[in-house]
PDB file of N, CA and C in Angstrom:
ATOM      1  N   UNK A   1     -10.205  -5.482   1.260  1.00  0.00           N
ATOM      2  CA  UNK A   1      -9.094  -6.358   1.587  1.00  0.00           C
ATOM      3  C   UNK A   1      -8.128  -5.617   2.513  1.00  0.00           C
ATOM      4  N   UNK A   2      -7.554  -6.332   3.437  1.00  0.00           N
ATOM      5  CA  UNK A   2      -6.542  -5.757   4.313  1.00  0.00           C
ATOM      6  C   UNK A   2      -5.161  -6.059   3.746  1.00  0.00           C
ATOM      7  N   UNK A   3      -4.254  -5.135   3.940  1.00  0.00           N
ATOM      8  CA  UNK A   3      -2.881  -5.332   3.488  1.00  0.00           C
ATOM      9  C   UNK A   3      -1.924  -4.662   4.469  1.00  0.00           C
ATOM     10  N   UNK A   4      -0.723  -5.189   4.548  1.00  0.00           N
ATOM     11  CA  UNK A   4       0.314  -4.585   5.373  1.00  0.00           C
ATOM     12  C   UNK A   4       1.298  -3.879   4.450  1.00  0.00           C
ATOM     13  N   UNK A   5       1.629  -2.653   4.766  1.00  0.00           N
ATOM     14  CA  UNK A   5       2.567  -1.870   3.956  1.00  0.00           C
ATOM     15  C   UNK A   5       3.979  -2.389   4.227  1.00  0.00           C
ATOM     16  N   UNK A   6       4.657  -2.846   3.166  1.00  0.00           N
ATOM     17  CA  UNK A   6       6.021  -3.379   3.324  1.00  0.00           C
ATOM     18  C   UNK A   6       7.075  -2.409   2.806  1.00  0.00           C
ATOM     19  N   UNK A   7       6.656  -1.425   1.989  1.00  0.00           N
ATOM     20  CA  UNK A   7       7.588  -0.418   1.489  1.00  0.00           C
ATOM     21  C   UNK A   7       6.794   0.799   1.033  1.00  0.00           C
ATOM     22  N   UNK A   8       7.429   1.967   1.122  1.00  0.00           N
ATOM     23  CA  UNK A   8       6.790   3.219   0.718  1.00  0.00           C
ATOM     24  C   UNK A   8       7.790   4.026  -0.098  1.00  0.00           C
ATOM     25  N   UNK A   9       7.329   4.551  -1.222  1.00  0.00           N
ATOM     26  CA  UNK A   9       8.171   5.403  -2.049  1.00  0.00           C
ATOM     27  C   UNK A   9       8.214   6.824  -1.506  1.00  0.00           C
ATOM     28  N   UNK A  10       8.919   7.706  -2.208  1.00  0.00           N
ATOM     29  CA  UNK A  10       9.092   9.079  -1.725  1.00  0.00           C
ATOM     30  C   UNK A  10       7.868   9.976  -1.917  1.00  0.00           C
ATOM     31  N   UNK A  11       6.905   9.570  -2.723  1.00  0.00           N
ATOM     32  CA  UNK A  11       5.755  10.425  -3.004  1.00  0.00           C
ATOM     33  C   UNK A  11       6.017  11.247  -4.254  1.00  0.00           C
ATOM     34  N   UNK A  12       4.998  11.979  -4.681  1.00  0.00           N
ATOM     35  CA  UNK A  12       5.123  12.799  -5.892  1.00  0.00           C
ATOM     36  C   UNK A  12       5.380  14.248  -5.527  1.00  0.00           C
ATOM     37  N   UNK A  13       6.335  14.852  -6.178  1.00  0.00           N
ATOM     38  CA  UNK A  13       6.612  16.267  -5.958  1.00  0.00           C
ATOM     39  C   UNK A  13       6.912  16.568  -4.505  1.00  0.00           C
ATOM     40  N   UNK A  14       6.238  17.596  -3.968  1.00  0.00           N
ATOM     41  CA  UNK A  14       6.468  18.015  -2.584  1.00  0.00           C
ATOM     42  C   UNK A  14       5.532  17.316  -1.602  1.00  0.00           C
ATOM     43  N   UNK A  15       4.590  16.512  -2.117  1.00  0.00           N
ATOM     44  CA  UNK A  15       3.644  15.810  -1.242  1.00  0.00           C
ATOM     45  C   UNK A  15       4.353  14.686  -0.490  1.00  0.00           C
ATOM     46  N   UNK A  16       4.145  14.615   0.806  1.00  0.00           N
ATOM     47  CA  UNK A  16       4.725  13.548   1.622  1.00  0.00           C
ATOM     48  C   UNK A  16       3.724  12.411   1.745  1.00  0.00           C
ATOM     49  N   UNK A  17       4.221  11.206   1.867  1.00  0.00           N
ATOM     50  CA  UNK A  17       3.362  10.031   2.030  1.00  0.00           C
ATOM     51  C   UNK A  17       2.771  10.041   3.442  1.00  0.00           C
ATOM     52  N   UNK A  18       1.489   9.670   3.550  1.00  0.00           N
ATOM     53  CA  UNK A  18       0.838   9.634   4.861  1.00  0.00           C
ATOM     54  C   UNK A  18       0.850   8.234   5.464  1.00  0.00           C
ATOM     55  N   UNK A  19       1.186   7.230   4.673  1.00  0.00           N
ATOM     56  CA  UNK A  19       1.321   5.870   5.208  1.00  0.00           C
ATOM     57  C   UNK A  19       2.796   5.563   5.362  1.00  0.00           C
ATOM     58  N   UNK A  20       3.092   4.623   6.248  1.00  0.00           N
ATOM     59  CA  UNK A  20       4.487   4.237   6.437  1.00  0.00           C
ATOM     60  C   UNK A  20       4.603   2.724   6.535  1.00  0.00           C
ATOM     61  N   UNK A  21       5.801   2.237   6.419  1.00  0.00           N
ATOM     62  CA  UNK A  21       6.067   0.804   6.485  1.00  0.00           C
ATOM     63  C   UNK A  21       5.516   0.244   7.791  1.00  0.00           C
ATOM     64  N   UNK A  22       4.779  -0.871   7.692  1.00  0.00           N
ATOM     65  CA  UNK A  22       4.221  -1.514   8.869  1.00  0.00           C
ATOM     66  C   UNK A  22       2.755  -1.193   9.108  1.00  0.00           C
ATOM     67  N   UNK A  23       2.217  -0.145   8.451  1.00  0.00           N
ATOM     68  CA  UNK A  23       0.802   0.198   8.616  1.00  0.00           C
ATOM     69  C   UNK A  23      -0.089  -0.904   8.055  1.00  0.00           C
ATOM     70  N   UNK A  24      -1.229  -1.122   8.684  1.00  0.00           N
ATOM     71  CA  UNK A  24      -2.246  -2.041   8.191  1.00  0.00           C
ATOM     72  C   UNK A  24      -3.299  -1.182   7.498  1.00  0.00           C
ATOM     73  N   UNK A  25      -3.557  -1.451   6.217  1.00  0.00           N
ATOM     74  CA  UNK A  25      -4.451  -0.609   5.426  1.00  0.00           C
ATOM     75  C   UNK A  25      -5.569  -1.428   4.800  1.00  0.00           C
ATOM     76  N   UNK A  26      -6.601  -0.725   4.385  1.00  0.00           N
ATOM     77  CA  UNK A  26      -7.731  -1.319   3.686  1.00  0.00           C
ATOM     78  C   UNK A  26      -7.647  -0.867   2.233  1.00  0.00           C
ATOM     79  N   UNK A  27      -7.666  -1.838   1.296  1.00  0.00           N
ATOM     80  CA  UNK A  27      -7.567  -1.512  -0.132  1.00  0.00           C
ATOM     81  C   UNK A  27      -8.711  -2.183  -0.892  1.00  0.00           C
ATOM     82  N   UNK A  28      -9.025  -1.640  -2.054  1.00  0.00           N
ATOM     83  CA  UNK A  28     -10.048  -2.239  -2.896  1.00  0.00           C
ATOM     84  C   UNK A  28      -9.577  -3.568  -3.464  1.00  0.00           C
ATOM     85  N   UNK A  29     -10.499  -4.466  -3.721  1.00  0.00           N
ATOM     86  CA  UNK A  29     -10.159  -5.814  -4.194  1.00  0.00           C
ATOM     87  C   UNK A  29      -9.372  -5.787  -5.503  1.00  0.00           C
ATOM     88  N   UNK A  30      -9.697  -4.883  -6.404  1.00  0.00           N
ATOM     89  CA  UNK A  30      -9.038  -4.840  -7.708  1.00  0.00           C
ATOM     90  C   UNK A  30      -8.065  -3.666  -7.844  1.00  0.00           C
ATOM     91  N   UNK A  31      -7.651  -3.086  -6.730  1.00  0.00           N
ATOM     92  CA  UNK A  31      -6.731  -1.945  -6.757  1.00  0.00           C
ATOM     93  C   UNK A  31      -5.305  -2.416  -7.028  1.00  0.00           C
ATOM     94  N   UNK A  32      -4.550  -1.596  -7.724  1.00  0.00           N
ATOM     95  CA  UNK A  32      -3.136  -1.845  -7.932  1.00  0.00           C
ATOM     96  C   UNK A  32      -2.815  -3.002  -8.860  1.00  0.00           C
ATOM     97  N   UNK A  33      -1.542  -3.354  -8.888  1.00  0.00           N
ATOM     98  CA  UNK A  33      -1.021  -4.441  -9.717  1.00  0.00           C
ATOM     99  C   UNK A  33      -0.465  -5.528  -8.810  1.00  0.00           C
ATOM    100  N   UNK A  34      -1.011  -6.725  -8.920  1.00  0.00           N
ATOM    101  CA  UNK A  34      -0.581  -7.842  -8.091  1.00  0.00           C
ATOM    102  C   UNK A  34       0.533  -8.625  -8.777  1.00  0.00           C
ATOM    103  N   UNK A  35       1.464  -9.130  -7.962  1.00  0.00           N
ATOM    104  CA  UNK A  35       2.497 -10.027  -8.487  1.00  0.00           C
ATOM    105  C   UNK A  35       3.028 -10.878  -7.351  1.00  0.00           C
ATOM    106  N   UNK A  36       3.696 -11.974  -7.699  1.00  0.00           N
ATOM    107  CA  UNK A  36       4.275 -12.882  -6.711  1.00  0.00           C
ATOM    108  C   UNK A  36       5.790 -12.708  -6.694  1.00  0.00           C
ATOM    109  N   UNK A  37       6.350 -12.723  -5.488  1.00  0.00           N
ATOM    110  CA  UNK A  37       7.797 -12.703  -5.315  1.00  0.00           C
ATOM    111  C   UNK A  37       8.115 -13.819  -4.329  1.00  0.00           C
ATOM    112  N   UNK A  38       8.561 -14.925  -4.845  1.00  0.00           N
ATOM    113  CA  UNK A  38       8.760 -16.097  -4.004  1.00  0.00           C
ATOM    114  C   UNK A  38       7.405 -16.600  -3.531  1.00  0.00           C
ATOM    115  N   UNK A  39       7.231 -16.747  -2.222  1.00  0.00           N
ATOM    116  CA  UNK A  39       5.957 -17.208  -1.662  1.00  0.00           C
ATOM    117  C   UNK A  39       5.016 -16.043  -1.342  1.00  0.00           C
ATOM    118  N   UNK A  40       5.531 -14.803  -1.445  1.00  0.00           N
ATOM    119  CA  UNK A  40       4.737 -13.619  -1.097  1.00  0.00           C
ATOM    120  C   UNK A  40       3.909 -13.128  -2.274  1.00  0.00           C
ATOM    121  N   UNK A  41       2.669 -12.723  -2.000  1.00  0.00           N
ATOM    122  CA  UNK A  41       1.829 -12.063  -2.992  1.00  0.00           C
ATOM    123  C   UNK A  41       1.811 -10.578  -2.643  1.00  0.00           C
ATOM    124  N   UNK A  42       2.304  -9.741  -3.556  1.00  0.00           N
ATOM    125  CA  UNK A  42       2.440  -8.312  -3.304  1.00  0.00           C
ATOM    126  C   UNK A  42       1.548  -7.514  -4.242  1.00  0.00           C
ATOM    127  N   UNK A  43       1.207  -6.284  -3.827  1.00  0.00           N
ATOM    128  CA  UNK A  43       0.406  -5.378  -4.644  1.00  0.00           C
ATOM    129  C   UNK A  43       1.115  -4.034  -4.672  1.00  0.00           C
ATOM    130  N   UNK A  44       1.329  -3.511  -5.855  1.00  0.00           N
ATOM    131  CA  UNK A  44       1.873  -2.162  -6.009  1.00  0.00           C
ATOM    132  C   UNK A  44       0.697  -1.248  -6.300  1.00  0.00           C
ATOM    133  N   UNK A  45       0.542  -0.196  -5.479  1.00  0.00           N
ATOM    134  CA  UNK A  45      -0.556   0.731  -5.720  1.00  0.00           C
ATOM    135  C   UNK A  45      -0.193   2.147  -5.317  1.00  0.00           C
ATOM    136  N   UNK A  46      -1.012   3.075  -5.774  1.00  0.00           N
ATOM    137  CA  UNK A  46      -0.824   4.481  -5.416  1.00  0.00           C
ATOM    138  C   UNK A  46      -1.476   4.737  -4.065  1.00  0.00           C
ATOM    139  N   UNK A  47      -1.032   5.789  -3.410  1.00  0.00           N
ATOM    140  CA  UNK A  47      -1.599   6.129  -2.114  1.00  0.00           C
ATOM    141  C   UNK A  47      -3.100   6.422  -2.226  1.00  0.00           C
ATOM    142  N   UNK A  48      -3.544   6.952  -3.357  1.00  0.00           N
ATOM    143  CA  UNK A  48      -4.972   7.245  -3.556  1.00  0.00           C
ATOM    144  C   UNK A  48      -5.826   5.976  -3.540  1.00  0.00           C
ATOM    145  N   UNK A  49      -5.219   4.811  -3.807  1.00  0.00           N
ATOM    146  CA  UNK A  49      -5.957   3.550  -3.836  1.00  0.00           C
ATOM    147  C   UNK A  49      -6.169   2.965  -2.434  1.00  0.00           C
ATOM    148  N   UNK A  50      -5.559   3.571  -1.421  1.00  0.00           N
ATOM    149  CA  UNK A  50      -5.741   3.108  -0.041  1.00  0.00           C
ATOM    150  C   UNK A  50      -7.026   3.734   0.490  1.00  0.00           C
ATOM    151  N   UNK A  51      -7.948   2.886   0.928  1.00  0.00           N
ATOM    152  CA  UNK A  51      -9.250   3.363   1.401  1.00  0.00           C
ATOM    153  C   UNK A  51      -9.173   3.874   2.844  1.00  0.00           C
ATOM    154  N   UNK A  52      -8.379   3.211   3.696  1.00  0.00           N
ATOM    155  CA  UNK A  52      -8.275   3.621   5.094  1.00  0.00           C
ATOM    156  C   UNK A  52      -7.038   2.994   5.717  1.00  0.00           C
ATOM    157  N   UNK A  53      -6.508   3.665   6.729  1.00  0.00           N
ATOM    158  CA  UNK A  53      -5.437   3.097   7.546  1.00  0.00           C
ATOM    159  C   UNK A  53      -6.117   2.531   8.784  1.00  0.00           C
ATOM    160  N   UNK A  54      -5.983   1.221   8.977  1.00  0.00           N
ATOM    161  CA  UNK A  54      -6.650   0.546  10.090  1.00  0.00           C
ATOM    162  C   UNK A  54      -5.813   0.656  11.356  1.00  0.00           C
ATOM    163  N   UNK A  55      -4.511   0.450  11.231  1.00  0.00           N
ATOM    164  CA  UNK A  55      -3.623   0.441  12.391  1.00  0.00           C
ATOM    165  C   UNK A  55      -2.275   1.003  11.998  1.00  0.00           C
ATOM    166  N   UNK A  56      -1.763   1.873  12.836  1.00  0.00           N
ATOM    167  CA  UNK A  56      -0.430   2.465  12.588  1.00  0.00           C
ATOM    168  C   UNK A  56       0.577   1.829  13.499  1.00  0.00           C
TER     169      UNK A  56
END
């Protein structure tokens, strides 16, 4: 599944996040926790659950 990154947390410890807001990523179908906010369907997941960055 393709997803667009809408927000990024600070990361764990000293590790910096490699994805940033606006990136188009590939994620597993059952990765993360899905929820609805208004008309938007969002997924909260860890950076390890991102399979690939398609477009930066």
